[in-house]
Amino acid sequence: MRRVFRSTRFRVALTAFATSAVALGAVSVWFVVQSQSRLENAAQQLAVAHAEAIVQLLDTGAKPDDLRLLVRDSIYEVTDRSGHRLASCPALRGATLAAYDADVTVGPGAVDRADPASVGCAPELGGLDEDLTVHVIHEVSGDSEYDVYAGVRIDPEGQAAVDSARATLTAGVPAVAVLIGVIAWFAVSRSLRPVEAIRAEVAEIGAHDLGRRVPAPGSADEIARLAATMNSMLARLDDAVTRQSRFTSDASHELRTPLASMRTQLEVLLAHPDRLDWRAACENALLDVTRMQDLVADLVLLGKLDAGPDRLEPVALAEVAEAAVAGRDVHFEVRATPVVRGHRPRLERLVRNLVDNAERHATSRVVVEVSVVDGQAVLAVSDDGPGIPEADRERVFDRFVRLDDGRARDDGGAGLGLAIVADIARAHGGTAEVEGGSRFVVRLPELKTS
């Protein structure tokens, strides 16, 4: 039960109920008040007209006793300045209009039918069988000799309509508000069905079935965008897990080879200590240890790159490239001096990896160029080697990828050099690609300096 009260559908339904109740209640009160006000205003205006007509008759010399003959179908009362009643119609038993200055409710039998003063009064007052509401107005004659009180019966049909509307709205507004709350409850429940389907699907997805996707509704609303975002996230997780699995498998394979070689050499040395050259065996083992050390360093660097970029600072790309190629037999060209926001040691590693790769495949010449093209800093490393086939120009940046030519070389690496180049470029907001087979181009956002 507590979960129901804290749910979104309950809060939305409660908000809809409260809002509709307040809005409908305010409109209903305004409607009833305005309707009642119109009835009373109409009675007041008519009572004023009757009072003014009686005052005009008195001002022309008519006597109060003559009013019952001159004024018919009216409710009035005339008193002198001392408050004594001189004439009235009807005669109200035990009451006087002079005692009221607004509305007076006259109950059944309140009209004294035996009083001669009631002769000529409003005929509808005779034989009362229910309460009668009369609006009373006070006027004074022109010579201030008489006080005149005139009353007008408020329209009973209009009053009944107002009373009926008041009763209907009093019972109807809460009912309608509850109905709106119930409709809101079911509407939100229906709207949240796709969300529940997404949640249920995500709850069943494990690390081994990241290829599954959440159901996407056909609408173009926030829920559809949520499903698209969830599917995009699952695709990224699937890709990351696949890459991690492949990376772990390749890394274990690369580490297993030098370890197996070292173990074999040690076992042979122990089995035939007098027949083998210990110095040569140690040199071979040292080469395997160095290879393992370089591989582990590359794996650590890739792990750091996957974890996210370090703190970046303005770096002159030409200076970084010049420092990385110092002492090497390469042709270095600076066509511009761009500044990028980057990590200097890793940018130097990027340049060294590209130059190492170019030297490994070049026939006689390696060229390093730094320039600016279309607002981007460009680092290009090219060689005069055979180049990379077009089908392999994207794959060559994957981890542990070595082409046949690279595998045939004795000094071939583990296939991580160009992968590190691509990851460093990506960590700096740039790209790495192959152009023309033997030209590697890295593009980085240029940092505008004032």
Protein backbone atom coordinates (compact mmCIF):
# COMPACT_ATOMS: atom_id res chain seq x y z
CA MET A 1 0.00 0.00 0.00
CA ARG A 2 2.84 2.37 0.82
CA ARG A 3 4.34 1.78 -2.63
CA VAL A 4 0.99 2.69 -4.21
CA PHE A 5 0.87 6.01 -2.36
CA ARG A 6 4.44 6.81 -3.46
CA SER A 7 3.90 5.79 -7.08
CA THR A 8 3.84 8.22 -9.99
CA ARG A 9 0.32 7.26 -11.03
CA PHE A 10 -1.03 7.97 -7.52
CA ARG A 11 0.67 11.36 -7.35
CA VAL A 12 -0.57 12.32 -10.80
CA ALA A 13 -4.10 11.13 -9.98
CA LEU A 14 -4.06 13.01 -6.67
CA THR A 15 -2.80 16.16 -8.40
CA ALA A 16 -5.50 15.86 -11.07
CA PHE A 17 -8.19 15.34 -8.41
CA ALA A 18 -7.05 18.28 -6.27
CA THR A 19 -6.60 20.62 -9.24
CA SER A 20 -9.98 19.76 -10.78
CA ALA A 21 -11.72 19.99 -7.39
CA VAL A 22 -10.29 23.46 -6.72
CA ALA A 23 -10.96 24.69 -10.27
CA LEU A 24 -14.48 23.26 -10.53
CA GLY A 25 -15.29 24.35 -6.96
CA ALA A 26 -14.17 27.91 -7.65
CA VAL A 27 -16.17 28.06 -10.89
CA SER A 28 -19.24 26.57 -9.17
CA VAL A 29 -19.09 29.04 -6.27
CA TRP A 30 -18.68 31.92 -8.73
CA PHE A 31 -21.65 30.67 -10.79
CA VAL A 32 -23.96 30.28 -7.78
CA VAL A 33 -22.95 33.63 -6.29
CA GLN A 34 -23.46 35.40 -9.60
CA SER A 35 -26.84 33.76 -10.18
CA GLN A 36 -28.03 34.64 -6.67
CA SER A 37 -26.72 38.16 -7.09
CA ARG A 38 -28.62 38.61 -10.34
CA LEU A 39 -31.88 37.49 -8.67
CA GLU A 40 -31.38 39.85 -5.75
CA ASN A 41 -30.37 42.77 -7.99
CA ALA A 42 -33.50 42.30 -10.10
CA ALA A 43 -35.69 42.27 -6.95
CA GLN A 44 -33.85 45.28 -5.56
CA GLN A 45 -34.36 47.32 -8.73
CA LEU A 46 -38.05 46.46 -8.80
CA ALA A 47 -38.44 47.28 -5.09
CA VAL A 48 -36.78 50.66 -5.64
CA ALA A 49 -39.18 51.37 -8.49
CA HIS A 50 -42.16 50.51 -6.28
CA ALA A 51 -40.87 52.62 -3.38
CA GLU A 52 -40.25 55.61 -5.65
CA ALA A 53 -43.76 55.28 -7.11
CA ILE A 54 -45.31 55.27 -3.61
CA VAL A 55 -43.21 58.29 -2.59
CA GLN A 56 -44.41 60.18 -5.68
CA LEU A 57 -48.05 59.40 -4.75
CA LEU A 58 -47.50 60.65 -1.21
CA ASP A 59 -45.77 63.78 -2.49
CA THR A 60 -48.77 64.57 -4.68
CA GLY A 61 -51.07 64.63 -1.62
CA ALA A 62 -52.30 61.04 -1.39
CA LYS A 63 -52.98 59.74 2.09
CA PRO A 64 -51.48 56.49 3.38
CA ASP A 65 -54.95 55.00 3.80
CA ASP A 66 -55.63 55.61 0.10
CA LEU A 67 -52.57 53.66 -1.05
CA ARG A 68 -54.35 50.31 -0.91
CA LEU A 69 -56.69 51.61 -3.57
CA LEU A 70 -54.01 53.38 -5.62
CA VAL A 71 -51.20 50.79 -5.31
CA ARG A 72 -52.13 47.23 -6.07
CA ASP A 73 -50.14 44.01 -6.37
CA SER A 74 -47.34 45.47 -4.27
CA ILE A 75 -45.80 44.81 -0.89
CA TYR A 76 -45.27 48.07 0.98
CA GLU A 77 -45.40 49.75 4.36
CA VAL A 78 -45.66 53.44 5.31
CA THR A 79 -44.73 54.78 8.76
CA ASP A 80 -44.53 58.22 10.23
CA ARG A 81 -41.32 59.74 11.56
CA SER A 82 -42.02 58.12 14.93
CA GLY A 83 -42.11 54.64 13.38
CA HIS A 84 -45.86 54.06 13.74
CA ARG A 85 -47.27 52.05 10.86
CA LEU A 86 -49.83 54.08 8.90
CA ALA A 87 -50.48 51.65 6.06
CA SER A 88 -49.14 48.34 4.81
CA CYS A 89 -49.80 45.58 2.35
CA PRO A 90 -49.79 42.88 3.42
CA ALA A 91 -50.19 43.06 7.16
CA LEU A 92 -47.44 40.85 8.49
CA ARG A 93 -48.46 39.14 11.69
CA GLY A 94 -46.03 40.04 14.47
CA ALA A 95 -43.56 41.74 12.06
CA THR A 96 -43.08 44.91 10.13
CA LEU A 97 -41.09 45.71 6.97
CA ALA A 98 -39.51 48.60 8.85
CA ALA A 99 -37.56 46.03 10.84
CA TYR A 100 -35.66 44.88 7.71
CA ASP A 101 -33.35 46.54 5.22
CA ALA A 102 -32.50 43.58 3.02
CA ASP A 103 -34.24 40.19 2.67
CA VAL A 104 -36.98 38.93 4.94
CA THR A 105 -38.35 35.39 4.82
CA VAL A 106 -42.05 35.24 5.57
CA GLY A 107 -43.25 31.82 6.65
CA PRO A 108 -46.60 30.12 5.89
CA GLY A 109 -49.56 31.90 7.44
CA ALA A 110 -47.59 35.07 8.14
CA VAL A 111 -50.07 37.18 6.17
CA ASP A 112 -53.02 38.27 8.31
CA ARG A 113 -55.95 37.65 5.96
CA ALA A 114 -58.44 39.19 8.45
CA ASP A 115 -56.65 42.51 8.62
CA PRO A 116 -58.47 45.10 6.47
CA ALA A 117 -55.10 46.48 5.51
CA SER A 118 -54.45 43.41 3.42
CA VAL A 119 -57.30 44.24 1.03
CA GLY A 120 -55.90 45.04 -2.40
CA CYS A 121 -52.51 43.50 -1.65
CA ALA A 122 -50.53 41.29 -3.97
CA PRO A 123 -52.85 38.34 -4.65
CA GLU A 124 -50.00 35.79 -4.79
CA LEU A 125 -49.39 36.36 -1.07
CA GLY A 126 -52.71 34.83 -0.16
CA GLY A 127 -52.81 31.23 1.00
CA LEU A 128 -49.08 30.86 1.61
CA ASP A 129 -47.96 27.28 2.00
CA GLU A 130 -44.19 27.77 1.88
CA ASP A 131 -41.60 30.36 2.84
CA LEU A 132 -41.55 33.60 0.89
CA THR A 133 -38.38 35.71 0.51
CA VAL A 134 -39.07 39.43 0.12
CA HIS A 135 -36.44 42.07 -0.72
CA VAL A 136 -37.08 45.31 1.27
CA ILE A 137 -36.06 48.87 0.24
CA HIS A 138 -36.33 52.00 2.44
CA GLU A 139 -37.24 55.40 0.90
CA VAL A 140 -38.19 58.78 2.44
CA SER A 141 -40.92 61.11 1.13
CA GLY A 142 -39.95 64.46 -0.26
CA ASP A 143 -41.25 66.40 2.79
CA SER A 144 -39.67 63.81 5.13
CA GLU A 145 -43.11 63.17 6.63
CA TYR A 146 -43.24 59.48 5.80
CA ASP A 147 -40.86 56.51 5.67
CA VAL A 148 -41.73 54.12 2.84
CA TYR A 149 -40.68 50.46 2.78
CA ALA A 150 -41.30 48.53 -0.43
CA GLY A 151 -40.72 44.83 -0.86
CA VAL A 152 -40.54 42.59 -3.92
CA ARG A 153 -40.82 38.86 -3.88
CA ILE A 154 -37.66 37.24 -5.29
CA ASP A 155 -38.53 35.14 -8.31
CA PRO A 156 -39.37 31.73 -6.80
CA GLU A 157 -38.62 29.87 -10.00
CA GLY A 158 -35.25 31.59 -10.34
CA GLN A 159 -34.51 30.97 -6.67
CA ALA A 160 -35.46 27.31 -7.08
CA ALA A 161 -33.16 27.06 -10.08
CA VAL A 162 -30.29 28.59 -8.12
CA ASP A 163 -30.95 26.29 -5.16
CA SER A 164 -31.09 23.29 -7.49
CA ALA A 165 -27.81 24.34 -9.15
CA ARG A 166 -26.20 24.78 -5.74
CA ALA A 167 -27.27 21.32 -4.63
CA THR A 168 -26.22 19.72 -7.92
CA LEU A 169 -22.81 21.37 -7.92
CA THR A 170 -22.24 20.54 -4.24
CA ALA A 171 -22.68 16.86 -5.01
CA GLY A 172 -21.37 16.92 -8.59
CA VAL A 173 -18.05 18.74 -8.19
CA PRO A 174 -16.51 16.11 -5.85
CA ALA A 175 -17.87 13.32 -8.05
CA VAL A 176 -16.40 14.87 -11.20
CA ALA A 177 -13.08 15.52 -9.43
CA VAL A 178 -12.92 11.88 -8.32
CA LEU A 179 -13.77 10.76 -11.87
CA ILE A 180 -10.97 12.93 -13.28
CA GLY A 181 -8.55 11.46 -10.73
CA VAL A 182 -9.56 7.91 -11.70
CA ILE A 183 -9.18 8.72 -15.40
CA ALA A 184 -5.74 10.22 -14.70
CA TRP A 185 -4.77 7.06 -12.78
CA PHE A 186 -5.68 4.76 -15.70
CA ALA A 187 -4.19 7.16 -18.27
CA VAL A 188 -0.85 7.27 -16.47
CA SER A 189 -0.93 3.50 -15.96
CA ARG A 190 -1.46 3.02 -19.68
CA SER A 191 1.26 5.54 -20.52
CA LEU A 192 3.73 3.77 -18.21
CA ARG A 193 3.21 0.34 -19.76
CA PRO A 194 6.06 0.85 -22.27
CA VAL A 195 8.30 1.97 -19.40
CA GLU A 196 7.46 -1.19 -17.48
CA ALA A 197 8.19 -3.25 -20.59
CA ILE A 198 11.57 -1.52 -20.91
CA ARG A 199 12.33 -2.13 -17.23
CA ALA A 200 11.36 -5.79 -17.44
CA GLU A 201 13.53 -6.32 -20.52
CA VAL A 202 16.53 -4.57 -18.97
CA ALA A 203 16.12 -6.63 -15.78
CA GLU A 204 16.47 -9.83 -17.81
CA ILE A 205 19.51 -8.72 -19.82
CA GLY A 206 22.74 -10.16 -18.51
CA ALA A 207 26.39 -9.82 -19.45
CA HIS A 208 26.12 -12.70 -21.92
CA ASP A 209 23.06 -11.48 -23.86
CA LEU A 210 23.80 -7.80 -24.43
CA GLY A 211 22.61 -8.28 -28.00
CA ARG A 212 19.03 -8.02 -26.78
CA ARG A 213 17.21 -4.70 -27.11
CA VAL A 214 14.31 -3.11 -25.27
CA PRO A 215 10.97 -2.73 -27.09
CA ALA A 216 10.58 0.68 -28.69
CA PRO A 217 7.02 2.13 -28.82
CA GLY A 218 5.82 3.58 -32.09
CA SER A 219 5.20 7.02 -30.57
CA ALA A 220 7.54 9.97 -30.97
CA ASP A 221 7.59 11.03 -27.33
CA GLU A 222 9.92 10.90 -24.33
CA ILE A 223 9.32 7.17 -23.81
CA ALA A 224 10.35 6.41 -27.39
CA ARG A 225 13.49 8.51 -26.89
CA LEU A 226 14.15 6.65 -23.63
CA ALA A 227 13.91 3.32 -25.45
CA ALA A 228 16.24 4.58 -28.19
CA THR A 229 18.72 5.79 -25.56
CA MET A 230 18.57 2.46 -23.73
CA ASN A 231 19.15 0.55 -26.97
CA SER A 232 22.07 2.83 -27.83
CA MET A 233 23.54 2.26 -24.37
CA LEU A 234 23.12 -1.51 -24.73
CA ALA A 235 24.82 -1.35 -28.11
CA ARG A 236 27.76 0.52 -26.59
CA LEU A 237 27.93 -1.95 -23.70
CA ASP A 238 27.79 -4.86 -26.13
CA ASP A 239 30.59 -3.34 -28.18
CA ALA A 240 32.66 -2.58 -25.07
CA VAL A 241 32.22 -6.08 -23.65
CA THR A 242 33.03 -7.62 -27.02
CA ARG A 243 36.15 -5.51 -27.36
CA GLN A 244 37.17 -6.27 -23.79
CA SER A 245 36.69 -9.98 -24.31
CA ARG A 246 38.66 -9.90 -27.56
CA PHE A 247 41.30 -7.71 -25.95
CA THR A 248 41.67 -10.08 -22.99
CA SER A 249 41.90 -13.08 -25.29
CA ASP A 250 44.51 -11.44 -27.54
CA ALA A 251 46.50 -10.13 -24.57
CA SER A 252 46.61 -13.54 -22.93
CA HIS A 253 47.72 -15.07 -26.23
CA GLU A 254 50.47 -12.48 -26.69
CA LEU A 255 51.70 -12.97 -23.13
CA ARG A 256 51.54 -16.75 -23.38
CA THR A 257 54.01 -16.88 -26.27
CA PRO A 258 57.03 -15.25 -24.56
CA LEU A 259 56.22 -17.04 -21.30
CA ALA A 260 56.17 -20.38 -23.10
CA SER A 261 59.45 -19.54 -24.84
CA MET A 262 61.12 -18.60 -21.56
CA ARG A 263 59.84 -21.76 -19.87
CA THR A 264 61.13 -23.94 -22.69
CA GLN A 265 64.55 -22.33 -22.60
CA LEU A 266 64.80 -22.73 -18.82
CA GLU A 267 63.69 -26.36 -18.97
CA VAL A 268 66.31 -27.14 -21.67
CA LEU A 269 69.01 -25.37 -19.69
CA LEU A 270 68.14 -27.33 -16.57
CA ALA A 271 68.02 -30.60 -18.49
CA HIS A 272 71.31 -30.06 -20.36
CA PRO A 273 73.37 -27.56 -18.36
CA ASP A 274 76.68 -28.65 -19.98
CA ARG A 275 75.58 -28.70 -23.62
CA LEU A 276 74.00 -25.21 -24.06
CA ASP A 277 75.39 -21.71 -24.19
CA TRP A 278 74.08 -20.05 -21.03
CA ARG A 279 74.91 -16.55 -22.30
CA ALA A 280 72.92 -17.00 -25.50
CA ALA A 281 70.04 -18.49 -23.55
CA CYS A 282 70.01 -15.55 -21.16
CA GLU A 283 70.07 -13.10 -24.06
CA ASN A 284 67.07 -14.83 -25.65
CA ALA A 285 65.22 -14.81 -22.33
CA LEU A 286 66.02 -11.11 -21.91
CA LEU A 287 64.53 -10.41 -25.34
CA ASP A 288 61.36 -12.23 -24.29
CA VAL A 289 61.22 -10.29 -21.01
CA THR A 290 61.69 -7.02 -22.89
CA ARG A 291 58.90 -7.98 -25.29
CA MET A 292 56.62 -8.79 -22.35
CA GLN A 293 57.55 -5.53 -20.64
CA ASP A 294 56.71 -3.51 -23.75
CA LEU A 295 53.45 -5.41 -24.20
CA VAL A 296 52.42 -4.85 -20.58
CA ALA A 297 53.28 -1.14 -20.89
CA ASP A 298 51.12 -0.88 -24.00
CA LEU A 299 48.26 -2.70 -22.27
CA VAL A 300 48.49 -0.37 -19.28
CA LEU A 301 48.44 2.66 -21.57
CA LEU A 302 45.38 1.35 -23.44
CA GLY A 303 43.66 0.78 -20.11
CA LYS A 304 44.34 4.37 -19.10
CA LEU A 305 43.04 5.64 -22.43
CA ASP A 306 39.85 3.61 -22.00
CA ALA A 307 39.39 5.08 -18.52
CA GLY A 308 39.15 8.63 -19.92
CA PRO A 309 41.38 11.60 -20.70
CA ASP A 310 43.82 13.08 -18.21
CA ARG A 311 44.15 16.80 -17.56
CA LEU A 312 44.86 18.53 -20.86
CA GLU A 313 46.83 21.72 -21.43
CA PRO A 314 47.89 23.82 -24.43
CA VAL A 315 50.65 22.04 -26.37
CA ALA A 316 52.55 23.16 -29.49
CA LEU A 317 52.15 20.22 -31.86
CA ALA A 318 55.26 21.10 -33.91
CA GLU A 319 57.45 21.08 -30.79
CA VAL A 320 56.02 17.72 -29.71
CA ALA A 321 56.68 16.20 -33.14
CA GLU A 322 60.20 17.64 -33.29
CA ALA A 323 61.05 16.22 -29.87
CA ALA A 324 59.65 12.79 -30.81
CA VAL A 325 61.68 12.50 -34.04
CA ALA A 326 64.92 13.93 -32.63
CA GLY A 327 67.85 11.72 -33.60
CA ARG A 328 65.89 9.79 -36.20
CA ASP A 329 66.58 9.65 -39.91
CA VAL A 330 63.34 11.33 -41.02
CA HIS A 331 62.48 14.41 -43.05
CA PHE A 332 60.64 16.89 -40.80
CA GLU A 333 58.51 19.68 -42.31
CA VAL A 334 56.67 22.41 -40.36
CA ARG A 335 54.14 24.26 -42.50
CA ALA A 336 52.32 25.77 -39.52
CA THR A 337 52.69 25.89 -35.75
CA PRO A 338 49.28 24.88 -34.37
CA VAL A 339 48.51 24.67 -30.66
CA VAL A 340 46.25 21.89 -29.40
CA ARG A 341 44.82 21.05 -26.01
CA GLY A 342 46.46 17.80 -25.11
CA HIS A 343 48.65 15.56 -22.97
CA ARG A 344 52.24 16.13 -24.12
CA PRO A 345 53.78 12.70 -23.24
CA ARG A 346 50.93 10.87 -24.97
CA LEU A 347 51.15 13.05 -28.06
CA GLU A 348 54.87 12.27 -28.19
CA ARG A 349 53.97 8.57 -27.94
CA LEU A 350 51.54 9.01 -30.83
CA VAL A 351 54.27 10.51 -33.04
CA ARG A 352 56.81 7.85 -32.06
CA ASN A 353 54.40 5.02 -32.86
CA LEU A 354 53.67 6.49 -36.29
CA VAL A 355 57.36 6.99 -37.04
CA ASP A 356 58.20 3.47 -35.80
CA ASN A 357 55.52 2.04 -38.07
CA ALA A 358 56.75 4.11 -41.03
CA GLU A 359 60.39 3.10 -40.48
CA ARG A 360 59.38 -0.55 -40.28
CA HIS A 361 57.75 -0.44 -43.72
CA ALA A 362 59.71 2.33 -45.53
CA THR A 363 62.17 1.62 -48.31
CA SER A 364 64.35 4.68 -47.83
CA ARG A 365 62.37 7.77 -46.80
CA VAL A 366 60.07 8.83 -43.92
CA VAL A 367 58.44 12.28 -43.88
CA VAL A 368 56.76 13.95 -40.87
CA GLU A 369 54.63 17.04 -41.59
CA VAL A 370 52.81 19.46 -39.29
CA SER A 371 50.22 21.82 -40.79
CA VAL A 372 46.80 23.38 -40.33
CA VAL A 373 43.91 22.48 -42.62
CA ASP A 374 40.36 23.86 -42.22
CA GLY A 375 40.97 24.94 -38.63
CA GLN A 376 42.42 21.58 -37.57
CA ALA A 377 45.97 20.71 -36.61
CA VAL A 378 47.24 17.99 -38.95
CA LEU A 379 50.12 15.60 -38.27
CA ALA A 380 51.04 13.43 -41.27
CA VAL A 381 53.63 10.64 -41.35
CA SER A 382 54.34 9.03 -44.73
CA ASP A 383 56.87 6.57 -46.12
CA ASP A 384 57.84 5.16 -49.51
CA GLY A 385 56.93 1.60 -48.61
CA PRO A 386 54.40 -0.64 -50.34
CA GLY A 387 51.47 0.83 -48.42
CA ILE A 388 48.41 -0.74 -46.86
CA PRO A 389 45.71 -2.34 -49.02
CA GLU A 390 42.51 -0.31 -49.12
CA ALA A 391 40.52 -3.12 -47.50
CA ASP A 392 42.76 -3.02 -44.41
CA ARG A 393 43.03 0.75 -43.89
CA GLU A 394 40.39 0.84 -41.17
CA ARG A 395 41.17 -2.52 -39.62
CA VAL A 396 44.82 -1.61 -39.14
CA PHE A 397 43.87 0.64 -36.18
CA ASP A 398 42.25 -2.24 -34.29
CA ARG A 399 44.07 -3.83 -31.39
CA PHE A 400 46.35 -6.81 -32.00
CA VAL A 401 45.98 -6.46 -35.76
CA ARG A 402 49.12 -7.28 -37.74
CA LEU A 403 49.06 -7.56 -41.49
CA ASP A 404 50.87 -10.39 -43.23
CA ASP A 405 53.83 -8.18 -44.07
CA GLY A 406 54.14 -7.13 -40.44
CA ARG A 407 53.97 -10.73 -39.25
CA ALA A 408 56.77 -11.71 -41.56
CA ARG A 409 59.18 -9.25 -39.96
CA ASP A 410 61.31 -10.35 -37.04
CA ASP A 411 60.86 -7.03 -35.28
CA GLY A 412 57.12 -6.93 -35.68
CA GLY A 413 55.24 -5.79 -32.56
CA ALA A 414 52.10 -7.08 -30.91
CA GLY A 415 49.82 -5.07 -33.15
CA LEU A 416 49.09 -2.35 -30.59
CA GLY A 417 51.09 0.58 -31.97
CA LEU A 418 48.48 1.93 -34.38
CA ALA A 419 45.67 1.08 -31.96
CA ILE A 420 47.38 3.30 -29.39
CA VAL A 421 47.66 6.05 -32.03
CA ALA A 422 43.91 5.86 -32.75
CA ASP A 423 42.99 5.85 -29.05
CA ILE A 424 45.25 8.81 -28.23
CA ALA A 425 43.81 10.79 -31.14
CA ARG A 426 40.28 9.92 -30.05
CA ALA A 427 41.04 10.93 -26.44
CA HIS A 428 42.10 14.36 -27.76
CA GLY A 429 38.92 14.80 -29.80
CA GLY A 430 40.62 13.93 -33.09
CA THR A 431 40.84 11.17 -35.68
CA ALA A 432 43.47 8.93 -37.23
CA GLU A 433 43.24 7.48 -40.73
CA VAL A 434 45.25 6.18 -43.65
CA GLU A 435 45.41 8.13 -46.91
CA GLY A 436 46.98 6.78 -50.06
CA GLY A 437 48.16 3.55 -48.51
CA SER A 438 51.35 4.77 -46.79
CA ARG A 439 50.34 8.16 -45.40
CA PHE A 440 48.99 8.23 -41.83
CA VAL A 441 47.12 11.42 -40.94
CA VAL A 442 46.06 12.55 -37.45
CA ARG A 443 43.71 15.51 -37.16
CA LEU A 444 43.24 17.33 -33.82
CA PRO A 445 41.12 20.39 -32.93
CA GLU A 446 43.29 23.49 -33.05
CA LEU A 447 43.26 25.63 -29.91
CA LYS A 448 42.60 29.25 -30.88
CA THR A 449 44.93 31.60 -29.02
CA SER A 450 44.50 35.37 -28.89
